[in-house]
Amino acid sequence: MYREGERAARGELILNEAATQLGVSKMTIVRLIKDGVLPAKQACPGAPYVIRQEGLKLALVQTAIANKRAGSQDLRQESMIYQ
């Protein structure tokens, strides 16, 4: 049974919490996980990712975000510029 604050006490985050802390989108977090840059676990396929708080501080994660390499590697995909 889950108790309120249990994840936080263990230093665990879910996708949107990690994205908010790093100042990126949820899709960026998923990309970092899929690329093996950000460690995360899933209980089973389709279950929410569980990300350790200390994982956000990894040099590889910080470098990927700082270099804007956390984006898609698909060269056909472009960023939208809003005016």
Protein backbone atom coordinates (compact mmCIF):
# COMPACT_ATOMS: atom_id res chain seq x y z
CA MET A 1 0.00 0.00 0.00
CA TYR A 2 1.31 3.47 -0.94
CA ARG A 3 1.68 6.11 1.75
CA GLU A 4 1.71 9.85 0.94
CA GLY A 5 5.28 11.11 0.64
CA GLU A 6 6.75 7.60 0.40
CA ARG A 7 8.38 8.17 -3.01
CA ALA A 8 9.86 11.50 -1.93
CA ALA A 9 11.28 9.91 1.21
CA ARG A 10 13.05 7.34 -0.99
CA GLY A 11 14.35 10.04 -3.34
CA GLU A 12 12.20 8.88 -6.25
CA LEU A 13 10.57 11.02 -8.90
CA ILE A 14 8.08 10.40 -11.65
CA LEU A 15 8.40 11.73 -15.19
CA ASN A 16 6.76 15.14 -14.76
CA GLU A 17 8.61 15.82 -11.49
CA ALA A 18 11.98 15.09 -13.13
CA ALA A 19 11.07 17.26 -16.12
CA THR A 20 10.08 20.16 -13.87
CA GLN A 21 13.28 19.92 -11.82
CA LEU A 22 15.46 19.92 -14.94
CA GLY A 23 13.39 22.56 -16.75
CA VAL A 24 12.74 20.35 -19.77
CA SER A 25 9.74 18.59 -21.30
CA LYS A 26 8.54 15.13 -20.30
CA MET A 27 9.48 13.90 -23.79
CA THR A 28 13.06 15.06 -23.20
CA ILE A 29 13.17 12.94 -20.04
CA VAL A 30 11.82 9.94 -21.96
CA ARG A 31 14.49 10.45 -24.63
CA LEU A 32 17.23 10.61 -22.00
CA ILE A 33 15.93 7.37 -20.48
CA LYS A 34 15.63 5.60 -23.86
CA ASP A 35 19.17 6.73 -24.81
CA GLY A 36 20.54 5.27 -21.56
CA VAL A 37 21.63 8.67 -20.26
CA LEU A 38 19.19 8.91 -17.35
CA PRO A 39 18.68 5.74 -15.29
CA ALA A 40 15.04 4.86 -14.60
CA LYS A 41 12.96 1.79 -13.84
CA GLN A 42 9.50 0.59 -14.79
CA ALA A 43 7.64 -2.15 -12.92
CA CYS A 44 6.35 -3.39 -16.29
CA PRO A 45 5.95 -1.94 -19.80
CA GLY A 46 3.52 0.97 -19.71
CA ALA A 47 4.01 1.57 -15.98
CA PRO A 48 5.27 4.99 -14.87
CA TYR A 49 9.02 5.51 -14.88
CA VAL A 50 10.64 5.83 -11.47
CA ILE A 51 13.69 8.10 -11.52
CA ARG A 52 16.12 8.50 -8.65
CA GLN A 53 16.70 12.11 -7.57
CA GLU A 54 20.48 11.66 -7.75
CA GLY A 55 20.14 10.54 -11.38
CA LEU A 56 19.28 14.12 -12.34
CA LYS A 57 22.70 15.25 -11.09
CA LEU A 58 24.69 12.84 -13.26
CA ALA A 59 27.28 14.61 -15.40
CA LEU A 60 26.01 12.87 -18.54
CA VAL A 61 22.47 14.14 -17.91
CA GLN A 62 23.63 17.68 -17.15
CA THR A 63 25.86 17.74 -20.23
CA ALA A 64 23.08 16.46 -22.51
CA ILE A 65 20.75 19.20 -21.30
CA ALA A 66 23.38 21.96 -21.38
CA ASN A 67 24.40 21.02 -24.93
CA LYS A 68 20.75 20.70 -25.97
CA ARG A 69 21.53 17.15 -27.02
CA ALA A 70 18.52 15.83 -25.18
CA GLY A 71 16.41 16.60 -28.24
CA SER A 72 15.46 14.27 -31.01
CA GLN A 73 18.27 13.00 -33.22
CA ASP A 74 15.87 12.85 -36.19
CA LEU A 75 17.24 15.44 -38.61
CA ARG A 76 13.79 15.83 -40.18
CA GLN A 77 12.41 17.19 -36.92
CA GLU A 78 12.65 20.93 -36.49
CA SER A 79 11.94 23.22 -33.55
CA MET A 80 8.95 25.49 -33.76
CA ILE A 81 9.59 29.16 -33.14
CA TYR A 82 6.61 31.04 -31.77
CA GLN A 83 6.23 34.73 -32.45
